[in-house]
C-alpha cells in the first residue's frame, strides 16, 4: 500500500482535482481503510486538503467521484455474477 500512497502524493502535487479522482478510485478499490491511511499520512499536505475541508468544491468533487466509482464497481460485479450464472 506504501507504493500507492507515493503514487498519489506525486499525482496530487500536480493537480488537485486529478488527486481527488485518484483518491476516490483508490478508496473504492481498496476500501475505506485506504482513505483513513491517506488522511493520517497526508494530514499536513495541502494537496490533500480536499479530504478535510468539507466546504471546498474539491471535496464535493471527491464525494461525487467516490459515488460514481462505487456505482461502476457495482455494475462490474453484477456483470461478473451474470457471466458465472
C-alpha atoms as a PDB file:
ATOM      1  CA  UNK A   1       0.000   0.000   0.000  1.00  0.00           C
ATOM      2  CA  UNK A   2       3.012   2.300   0.514  1.00  0.00           C
ATOM      3  CA  UNK A   3       3.614   2.442  -3.245  1.00  0.00           C
ATOM      4  CA  UNK A   4       0.028   3.537  -3.833  1.00  0.00           C
ATOM      5  CA  UNK A   5       0.414   6.365  -1.325  1.00  0.00           C
ATOM      6  CA  UNK A   6       3.613   7.531  -3.052  1.00  0.00           C
ATOM      7  CA  UNK A   7       1.930   7.493  -6.465  1.00  0.00           C
ATOM      8  CA  UNK A   8      -0.960   9.525  -5.059  1.00  0.00           C
ATOM      9  CA  UNK A   9       1.371  12.051  -3.442  1.00  0.00           C
ATOM     10  CA  UNK A  10       3.087  12.601  -6.793  1.00  0.00           C
ATOM     11  CA  UNK A  11      -0.222  12.889  -8.646  1.00  0.00           C
ATOM     12  CA  UNK A  12      -1.670  15.278  -6.076  1.00  0.00           C
ATOM     13  CA  UNK A  13       1.247  17.651  -6.313  1.00  0.00           C
ATOM     14  CA  UNK A  14       0.393  18.120  -9.987  1.00  0.00           C
ATOM     15  CA  UNK A  15      -3.382  18.719  -9.955  1.00  0.00           C
ATOM     16  CA  UNK A  16      -5.855  18.774  -7.043  1.00  0.00           C
ATOM     17  CA  UNK A  17      -8.878  17.500  -9.000  1.00  0.00           C
ATOM     18  CA  UNK A  18      -6.838  14.698 -10.518  1.00  0.00           C
ATOM     19  CA  UNK A  19      -5.777  13.884  -6.969  1.00  0.00           C
ATOM     20  CA  UNK A  20      -9.372  13.851  -5.731  1.00  0.00           C
ATOM     21  CA  UNK A  21     -10.367  11.496  -8.555  1.00  0.00           C
ATOM     22  CA  UNK A  22      -7.389   9.204  -7.912  1.00  0.00           C
ATOM     23  CA  UNK A  23      -8.043   9.015  -4.162  1.00  0.00           C
ATOM     24  CA  UNK A  24     -11.720   8.267  -4.840  1.00  0.00           C
ATOM     25  CA  UNK A  25     -10.836   5.413  -7.196  1.00  0.00           C
ATOM     26  CA  UNK A  26      -8.242   4.001  -4.800  1.00  0.00           C
ATOM     27  CA  UNK A  27     -10.737   4.236  -1.915  1.00  0.00           C
ATOM     28  CA  UNK A  28     -13.369   2.258  -3.801  1.00  0.00           C
ATOM     29  CA  UNK A  29     -10.860  -0.381  -4.940  1.00  0.00           C
ATOM     30  CA  UNK A  30      -9.042  -0.719  -1.605  1.00  0.00           C
ATOM     31  CA  UNK A  31     -11.726   0.113   0.955  1.00  0.00           C
ATOM     32  CA  UNK A  32     -12.368   2.901   3.436  1.00  0.00           C
ATOM     33  CA  UNK A  33      -9.215   1.989   5.360  1.00  0.00           C
ATOM     34  CA  UNK A  34      -7.221   3.376   2.444  1.00  0.00           C
ATOM     35  CA  UNK A  35      -8.816   6.803   2.868  1.00  0.00           C
ATOM     36  CA  UNK A  36      -8.110   6.631   6.591  1.00  0.00           C
ATOM     37  CA  UNK A  37      -4.462   5.890   5.865  1.00  0.00           C
ATOM     38  CA  UNK A  38      -4.231   8.803   3.424  1.00  0.00           C
ATOM     39  CA  UNK A  39      -5.872  11.123   5.948  1.00  0.00           C
ATOM     40  CA  UNK A  40      -3.355  10.099   8.613  1.00  0.00           C
ATOM     41  CA  UNK A  41      -0.255  10.312   6.429  1.00  0.00           C
ATOM     42  CA  UNK A  42      -1.176  13.399   4.426  1.00  0.00           C
ATOM     43  CA  UNK A  43      -2.846  15.498   7.139  1.00  0.00           C
ATOM     44  CA  UNK A  44      -0.374  18.374   6.716  1.00  0.00           C
ATOM     45  CA  UNK A  45      -0.104  18.104   2.937  1.00  0.00           C
ATOM     46  CA  UNK A  46      -2.065  20.929   1.273  1.00  0.00           C
ATOM     47  CA  UNK A  47      -2.545  18.767  -1.828  1.00  0.00           C
ATOM     48  CA  UNK A  48      -4.930  16.595   0.208  1.00  0.00           C
ATOM     49  CA  UNK A  49      -6.844  19.487   1.803  1.00  0.00           C
ATOM     50  CA  UNK A  50      -9.999  18.398  -0.036  1.00  0.00           C
ATOM     51  CA  UNK A  51     -10.263  15.448   2.369  1.00  0.00           C
ATOM     52  CA  UNK A  52     -10.508  17.777   5.365  1.00  0.00           C
ATOM     53  CA  UNK A  53     -12.194  20.930   4.048  1.00  0.00           C
ATOM     54  CA  UNK A  54     -15.730  19.701   3.544  1.00  0.00           C
ATOM     55  CA  UNK A  55     -16.834  23.110   2.265  1.00  0.00           C
ATOM     56  CA  UNK A  56     -14.407  23.121  -0.668  1.00  0.00           C
ATOM     57  CA  UNK A  57     -15.535  22.425  -4.240  1.00  0.00           C
ATOM     58  CA  UNK A  58     -12.779  19.807  -4.462  1.00  0.00           C
ATOM     59  CA  UNK A  59     -14.371  17.892  -1.563  1.00  0.00           C
ATOM     60  CA  UNK A  60     -17.741  17.868  -3.332  1.00  0.00           C
ATOM     61  CA  UNK A  61     -15.965  16.671  -6.484  1.00  0.00           C
ATOM     62  CA  UNK A  62     -14.235  13.937  -4.460  1.00  0.00           C
ATOM     63  CA  UNK A  63     -17.519  12.704  -2.984  1.00  0.00           C
ATOM     64  CA  UNK A  64     -19.092  12.656  -6.441  1.00  0.00           C
ATOM     65  CA  UNK A  65     -16.176  10.625  -7.810  1.00  0.00           C
ATOM     66  CA  UNK A  66     -16.444   8.153  -4.898  1.00  0.00           C
ATOM     67  CA  UNK A  67     -20.146   7.674  -5.637  1.00  0.00           C
ATOM     68  CA  UNK A  68     -19.543   7.194  -9.370  1.00  0.00           C
ATOM     69  CA  UNK A  69     -16.712   4.731  -8.754  1.00  0.00           C
ATOM     70  CA  UNK A  70     -18.902   2.748  -6.335  1.00  0.00           C
ATOM     71  CA  UNK A  71     -21.685   2.605  -8.916  1.00  0.00           C
ATOM     72  CA  UNK A  72     -19.265   1.466 -11.621  1.00  0.00           C
ATOM     73  CA  UNK A  73     -17.858  -1.197  -9.312  1.00  0.00           C
ATOM     74  CA  UNK A  74     -21.378  -2.470  -8.535  1.00  0.00           C
ATOM     75  CA  UNK A  75     -22.184  -2.717 -12.251  1.00  0.00           C
ATOM     76  CA  UNK A  76     -18.962  -4.653 -12.862  1.00  0.00           C
ATOM     77  CA  UNK A  77     -19.731  -7.029 -10.009  1.00  0.00           C
ATOM     78  CA  UNK A  78     -23.245  -7.641 -11.323  1.00  0.00           C
ATOM     79  CA  UNK A  79     -21.879  -8.287 -14.815  1.00  0.00           C
ATOM     80  CA  UNK A  80     -19.361 -10.760 -13.400  1.00  0.00           C
ATOM     81  CA  UNK A  81     -22.093 -12.580 -11.495  1.00  0.00           C
ATOM     82  CA  UNK A  82     -24.280 -12.722 -14.595  1.00  0.00           C
ATOM     83  CA  UNK A  83     -21.441 -14.327 -16.564  1.00  0.00           C
ATOM     84  CA  UNK A  84     -20.985 -17.002 -13.912  1.00  0.00           C
ATOM     85  CA  UNK A  85     -24.694 -17.839 -13.782  1.00  0.00           C
END
